[in-house]
N, C-alpha and C. Protein backbone atom coordinates (compact mmCIF):
# COMPACT_ATOMS: atom_id res chain seq x y z
N MET A 1 48.56 -43.01 66.81
CA MET A 1 49.47 -42.62 65.64
C MET A 1 48.95 -43.38 64.45
N THR A 2 48.92 -42.83 63.38
CA THR A 2 48.52 -43.42 62.06
C THR A 2 49.77 -43.48 61.19
N ARG A 3 49.65 -44.45 60.30
CA ARG A 3 50.59 -44.70 59.22
C ARG A 3 49.82 -44.71 58.04
N GLY A 4 49.81 -43.57 57.36
CA GLY A 4 48.81 -43.67 56.29
C GLY A 4 47.43 -43.51 56.69
N SER A 5 46.47 -44.38 56.79
CA SER A 5 45.26 -44.59 57.29
C SER A 5 44.84 -45.47 58.42
N ALA A 6 45.93 -46.50 58.60
CA ALA A 6 45.65 -47.66 59.69
C ALA A 6 46.30 -47.28 60.80
N LEU A 7 45.72 -47.62 61.89
CA LEU A 7 46.34 -47.58 63.25
C LEU A 7 47.71 -48.23 63.24
N ALA A 8 48.89 -47.51 63.71
CA ALA A 8 50.12 -47.96 63.69
C ALA A 8 50.31 -48.46 65.22
N GLY A 9 49.94 -47.64 66.13
CA GLY A 9 50.34 -47.75 67.64
C GLY A 9 49.64 -46.79 68.20
N ILE A 10 49.67 -46.76 69.76
CA ILE A 10 49.31 -45.77 70.67
C ILE A 10 50.29 -45.33 71.33
N LEU A 11 50.54 -44.10 71.73
CA LEU A 11 51.55 -43.58 72.78
C LEU A 11 50.61 -42.95 74.04
N THR A 12 51.09 -43.38 74.99
CA THR A 12 50.50 -43.35 76.57
C THR A 12 51.33 -42.61 77.40
N GLU A 13 50.87 -42.03 78.41
CA GLU A 13 51.76 -41.44 79.43
C GLU A 13 52.77 -42.68 80.18
N ARG A 14 52.09 -43.77 80.25
CA ARG A 14 52.83 -45.06 80.74
C ARG A 14 53.95 -45.42 79.93
N ASP A 15 53.82 -45.27 78.31
CA ASP A 15 54.86 -45.55 77.38
C ASP A 15 56.21 -44.40 77.49
N ILE A 16 55.73 -43.14 77.99
CA ILE A 16 56.65 -42.00 78.02
C ILE A 16 57.33 -42.27 79.24
N VAL A 17 56.81 -42.56 80.16
CA VAL A 17 57.39 -42.73 81.74
C VAL A 17 58.30 -44.08 81.70
N ALA A 18 57.73 -45.31 81.14
CA ALA A 18 58.51 -46.49 81.21
C ALA A 18 59.70 -46.61 80.18
N LYS A 19 59.35 -46.01 78.98
CA LYS A 19 60.47 -46.37 77.98
C LYS A 19 61.38 -45.17 77.56
N ALA A 20 61.22 -43.97 78.28
CA ALA A 20 61.81 -42.82 78.00
C ALA A 20 62.29 -42.32 79.41
N LEU A 21 61.45 -41.58 80.11
CA LEU A 21 61.91 -40.99 81.34
C LEU A 21 62.41 -41.92 82.20
N GLY A 22 61.88 -43.19 82.46
CA GLY A 22 62.49 -44.15 83.41
C GLY A 22 63.85 -44.58 82.87
N GLU A 23 64.38 -44.10 81.81
CA GLU A 23 65.80 -44.78 81.36
C GLU A 23 66.57 -43.37 81.13
N GLY A 24 65.94 -42.22 81.66
CA GLY A 24 66.74 -40.98 81.41
C GLY A 24 66.97 -40.55 79.99
N ARG A 25 66.00 -40.90 79.32
CA ARG A 25 66.20 -40.48 77.75
C ARG A 25 65.85 -39.03 77.46
N ASP A 26 66.20 -38.43 76.55
CA ASP A 26 66.04 -37.19 76.20
C ASP A 26 64.84 -37.08 75.18
N LEU A 27 63.41 -36.67 75.79
CA LEU A 27 62.33 -36.82 74.82
C LEU A 27 62.42 -35.81 73.70
N ALA A 28 63.25 -35.13 73.67
CA ALA A 28 63.20 -34.21 72.17
C ALA A 28 63.98 -34.96 71.15
N ARG A 29 64.60 -36.10 71.54
CA ARG A 29 65.52 -36.90 70.56
C ARG A 29 64.91 -38.13 70.34
N ILE A 30 63.79 -38.53 71.02
CA ILE A 30 63.08 -39.94 70.55
C ILE A 30 62.26 -39.98 69.70
N PRO A 31 62.03 -40.60 68.53
CA PRO A 31 61.05 -40.73 67.72
C PRO A 31 59.69 -41.46 68.58
N VAL A 32 58.49 -41.10 68.02
CA VAL A 32 57.18 -41.65 68.94
C VAL A 32 57.41 -42.95 68.41
N THR A 33 57.71 -43.26 67.33
CA THR A 33 57.64 -44.73 66.90
C THR A 33 58.35 -45.69 67.81
N GLU A 34 59.64 -45.15 68.58
CA GLU A 34 60.56 -46.00 69.19
C GLU A 34 59.84 -46.41 70.48
N ILE A 35 58.77 -45.58 71.13
CA ILE A 35 58.45 -45.77 72.37
C ILE A 35 56.94 -46.08 72.42
N MET A 36 56.15 -46.05 71.39
CA MET A 36 55.05 -46.07 71.31
C MET A 36 54.57 -47.77 71.47
N THR A 37 53.29 -48.12 71.98
CA THR A 37 52.97 -49.46 71.83
C THR A 37 52.38 -49.84 70.31
N PRO A 38 53.20 -50.31 69.52
CA PRO A 38 52.63 -50.87 68.24
C PRO A 38 51.69 -51.89 68.27
N ASP A 39 50.76 -51.79 67.35
CA ASP A 39 49.53 -52.67 67.02
C ASP A 39 48.84 -53.08 68.26
N PRO A 40 48.31 -51.92 69.15
CA PRO A 40 47.78 -52.34 70.38
C PRO A 40 46.33 -53.09 70.09
N ILE A 41 45.82 -53.62 71.19
CA ILE A 41 44.49 -54.37 70.98
C ILE A 41 43.37 -53.00 70.69
N THR A 42 42.60 -53.41 69.74
CA THR A 42 41.66 -52.51 69.43
C THR A 42 40.30 -52.86 69.46
N LEU A 43 39.18 -52.05 69.57
CA LEU A 43 37.86 -52.67 69.39
C LEU A 43 37.22 -51.59 68.30
N GLN A 44 36.13 -52.02 68.22
CA GLN A 44 35.20 -51.22 67.25
C GLN A 44 33.73 -50.56 67.82
N PRO A 45 33.42 -49.54 67.21
CA PRO A 45 32.34 -48.64 67.66
C PRO A 45 31.26 -49.55 68.16
N ASP A 46 30.99 -50.65 67.35
CA ASP A 46 29.65 -51.44 67.93
C ASP A 46 29.98 -52.46 69.09
N ASP A 47 31.31 -52.69 69.50
CA ASP A 47 31.81 -53.64 70.74
C ASP A 47 31.01 -52.91 71.99
N SER A 48 30.79 -53.84 72.82
CA SER A 48 30.03 -53.36 73.99
C SER A 48 31.00 -52.89 75.06
N VAL A 49 30.54 -52.04 76.02
CA VAL A 49 31.28 -51.55 77.00
C VAL A 49 32.12 -52.48 77.91
N ALA A 50 31.33 -53.74 77.93
CA ALA A 50 31.80 -55.16 78.72
C ALA A 50 33.19 -55.36 77.99
N PHE A 51 33.26 -55.26 76.61
CA PHE A 51 34.40 -55.81 75.87
C PHE A 51 35.61 -54.70 76.23
N VAL A 52 35.04 -53.64 76.39
CA VAL A 52 36.38 -52.52 76.54
C VAL A 52 36.71 -52.94 78.00
N MET A 53 36.00 -53.19 79.00
CA MET A 53 36.29 -53.34 80.29
C MET A 53 37.29 -54.76 80.53
N ASN A 54 36.79 -55.55 79.86
CA ASN A 54 37.55 -56.85 79.77
C ASN A 54 38.85 -56.76 79.03
N ALA A 55 38.95 -55.94 78.13
CA ALA A 55 40.19 -55.86 77.33
C ALA A 55 41.08 -54.94 78.34
N MET A 56 40.71 -53.73 79.02
CA MET A 56 41.38 -52.99 79.94
C MET A 56 41.84 -54.09 81.14
N HIS A 57 41.30 -54.81 81.66
CA HIS A 57 41.20 -55.68 82.75
C HIS A 57 42.26 -56.60 82.32
N VAL A 58 41.93 -57.44 81.48
CA VAL A 58 42.80 -58.55 81.30
C VAL A 58 44.36 -58.07 80.60
N GLY A 59 44.33 -56.98 79.88
CA GLY A 59 45.76 -56.34 79.31
C GLY A 59 46.53 -55.61 80.19
N GLY A 60 45.68 -54.98 81.27
CA GLY A 60 46.28 -54.19 82.18
C GLY A 60 46.10 -52.69 81.45
N TYR A 61 45.60 -52.39 80.47
CA TYR A 61 45.46 -51.29 79.62
C TYR A 61 44.62 -49.97 80.42
N ARG A 62 44.98 -48.77 80.22
CA ARG A 62 43.94 -47.72 80.67
C ARG A 62 43.32 -47.15 79.54
N HIS A 63 43.81 -47.40 78.31
CA HIS A 63 43.44 -46.78 76.95
C HIS A 63 43.13 -47.87 76.27
N VAL A 64 41.96 -47.66 75.39
CA VAL A 64 41.93 -48.73 74.34
C VAL A 64 41.39 -48.06 73.16
N PRO A 65 42.07 -48.06 71.86
CA PRO A 65 41.81 -47.64 70.57
C PRO A 65 40.58 -48.06 70.08
N ILE A 66 39.53 -47.35 69.63
CA ILE A 66 38.58 -47.60 68.77
C ILE A 66 38.77 -47.44 67.52
N VAL A 67 38.74 -48.47 66.50
CA VAL A 67 39.02 -48.33 65.03
C VAL A 67 37.83 -48.64 64.19
N ASP A 68 37.71 -48.41 63.11
CA ASP A 68 36.59 -48.80 62.01
C ASP A 68 36.94 -50.01 61.38
N GLU A 69 36.42 -50.69 60.63
CA GLU A 69 36.42 -51.99 59.94
C GLU A 69 37.99 -51.83 58.98
N ARG A 70 38.36 -50.69 58.71
CA ARG A 70 39.57 -50.68 57.94
C ARG A 70 40.85 -50.38 58.77
N ASN A 71 40.77 -50.61 60.22
CA ASN A 71 41.71 -50.20 61.14
C ASN A 71 41.97 -48.67 61.24
N GLN A 72 41.18 -47.83 60.79
CA GLN A 72 41.52 -46.36 60.97
C GLN A 72 40.84 -45.90 62.46
N PRO A 73 41.84 -45.18 62.85
CA PRO A 73 41.49 -44.48 64.45
C PRO A 73 40.21 -43.74 64.52
N LEU A 74 39.32 -44.18 65.30
CA LEU A 74 37.97 -43.23 65.47
C LEU A 74 38.17 -42.40 67.00
N ALA A 75 38.64 -43.18 67.79
CA ALA A 75 38.52 -42.53 69.26
C ALA A 75 39.52 -43.15 70.14
N VAL A 76 39.64 -43.12 71.33
CA VAL A 76 40.35 -43.80 72.27
C VAL A 76 39.40 -43.62 73.61
N VAL A 77 39.13 -44.92 74.14
CA VAL A 77 38.50 -45.07 75.39
C VAL A 77 39.42 -45.09 76.54
N SER A 78 39.16 -44.30 77.71
CA SER A 78 40.00 -44.50 78.64
C SER A 78 39.32 -44.84 79.99
N VAL A 79 39.88 -45.54 81.03
CA VAL A 79 39.39 -45.78 82.18
C VAL A 79 38.33 -44.64 82.82
N LYS A 80 38.87 -43.37 82.56
CA LYS A 80 38.09 -42.19 83.17
C LYS A 80 36.64 -42.36 82.25
N ASP A 81 36.64 -42.52 80.92
CA ASP A 81 35.27 -42.77 80.25
C ASP A 81 34.65 -43.77 80.59
N ILE A 82 35.11 -44.85 81.20
CA ILE A 82 34.37 -45.98 81.60
C ILE A 82 33.73 -45.56 82.91
N ILE A 83 34.49 -44.98 83.58
CA ILE A 83 33.86 -44.57 85.07
C ILE A 83 32.72 -43.61 85.07
N ALA A 84 32.90 -42.70 84.04
CA ALA A 84 31.90 -41.68 83.77
C ALA A 84 30.70 -42.31 83.31
N PHE A 85 31.03 -43.38 82.43
CA PHE A 85 29.87 -44.02 81.88
C PHE A 85 28.96 -44.96 83.11
N ILE A 86 29.57 -45.37 83.91
CA ILE A 86 29.17 -46.05 84.93
C ILE A 86 28.38 -45.04 86.00
N VAL A 87 29.02 -44.17 86.26
CA VAL A 87 28.25 -42.99 87.07
C VAL A 87 27.12 -42.34 86.47
N GLU A 88 26.97 -42.20 85.02
CA GLU A 88 25.87 -41.85 84.51
C GLU A 88 24.85 -42.81 84.23
N SER A 89 25.31 -44.14 84.30
CA SER A 89 24.32 -45.25 84.09
C SER A 89 23.59 -45.60 85.39
N PHE A 90 24.46 -45.26 86.54
CA PHE A 90 23.74 -45.75 87.81
C PHE A 90 23.92 -44.61 88.80
N PRO A 91 23.36 -43.59 88.52
CA PRO A 91 23.68 -42.44 89.39
C PRO A 91 23.25 -42.53 90.78
N GLU A 92 21.88 -43.29 90.97
CA GLU A 92 21.43 -43.19 92.41
C GLU A 92 22.29 -44.30 93.21
N GLU A 93 22.73 -45.39 92.32
CA GLU A 93 23.65 -46.28 93.33
C GLU A 93 24.93 -45.73 93.61
N ILE A 94 25.37 -44.93 92.73
CA ILE A 94 26.72 -44.25 93.11
C ILE A 94 26.72 -43.02 94.11
N LEU A 95 25.71 -42.11 93.61
CA LEU A 95 25.51 -40.84 94.35
C LEU A 95 24.84 -41.08 95.85
N ASN A 96 24.24 -42.14 95.96
CA ASN A 96 23.66 -42.39 97.32
C ASN A 96 24.33 -43.50 98.21
N LEU A 97 25.56 -43.75 97.92
CA LEU A 97 26.12 -44.58 98.99
C LEU A 97 26.23 -43.98 100.25
N PRO A 98 26.18 -44.69 101.38
CA PRO A 98 26.35 -44.25 102.72
C PRO A 98 27.67 -43.62 102.83
N PRO A 99 27.71 -42.54 103.68
CA PRO A 99 29.00 -42.01 103.93
C PRO A 99 29.86 -42.97 104.73
N LYS A 100 31.33 -43.08 104.56
CA LYS A 100 32.42 -43.96 105.34
C LYS A 100 32.49 -43.18 106.30
N PRO A 101 32.48 -43.83 107.65
CA PRO A 101 32.81 -43.14 108.82
C PRO A 101 34.42 -42.50 108.76
N ILE A 102 34.44 -41.58 109.44
CA ILE A 102 36.02 -40.96 109.44
C ILE A 102 36.83 -41.76 110.38
N ARG A 103 37.90 -42.06 109.85
CA ARG A 103 38.91 -43.01 110.63
C ARG A 103 39.83 -42.16 111.17
N LYS A 104 40.26 -42.30 112.45
CA LYS A 104 41.19 -41.70 113.11
C LYS A 104 42.44 -42.50 112.94
N ALA A 105 43.48 -41.57 112.77
CA ALA A 105 44.76 -42.16 112.66
C ALA A 105 45.48 -42.67 114.01
N LYS A 106 46.01 -43.75 113.81
CA LYS A 106 46.75 -44.17 115.00
C LYS A 106 47.88 -43.38 115.62
N ARG A 107 48.45 -42.71 114.72
CA ARG A 107 49.58 -41.80 115.02
C ARG A 107 49.38 -40.60 114.49
N GLN A 108 50.18 -39.61 114.98
CA GLN A 108 49.90 -38.17 114.47
C GLN A 108 50.28 -38.01 113.21
N ASP A 109 51.31 -38.81 112.56
CA ASP A 109 51.83 -38.78 111.32
C ASP A 109 50.94 -39.28 110.26
N GLY A 110 49.80 -39.86 110.72
CA GLY A 110 48.83 -40.54 109.82
C GLY A 110 49.01 -42.03 109.75
N GLY A 111 49.88 -42.64 110.21
CA GLY A 111 50.30 -44.34 110.11
C GLY A 111 49.54 -45.01 111.03
């Protein structure tokens, strides 16, 4: 979300579930600014993928906004984007993993 031109916050499904649905609130009556994460950790386009992964791991984030030098939002990198990047960068290592043996359930219900 932007306020003028600078990033003011980010609204994720985690924000919606934890801060609105989890409390039984009516989504039609809640302003985005009330449940978004204000002033999130951001990175810039020239930061490495390692920095994005570190921010996600340390902060427990699944999304990291990418901003320019004026803090204007450019993109959002998700965990899905990172996994796609890794698979694209290391296709042989990922696609040629040996198959895991099929494990039989101990009980009929799968437990």
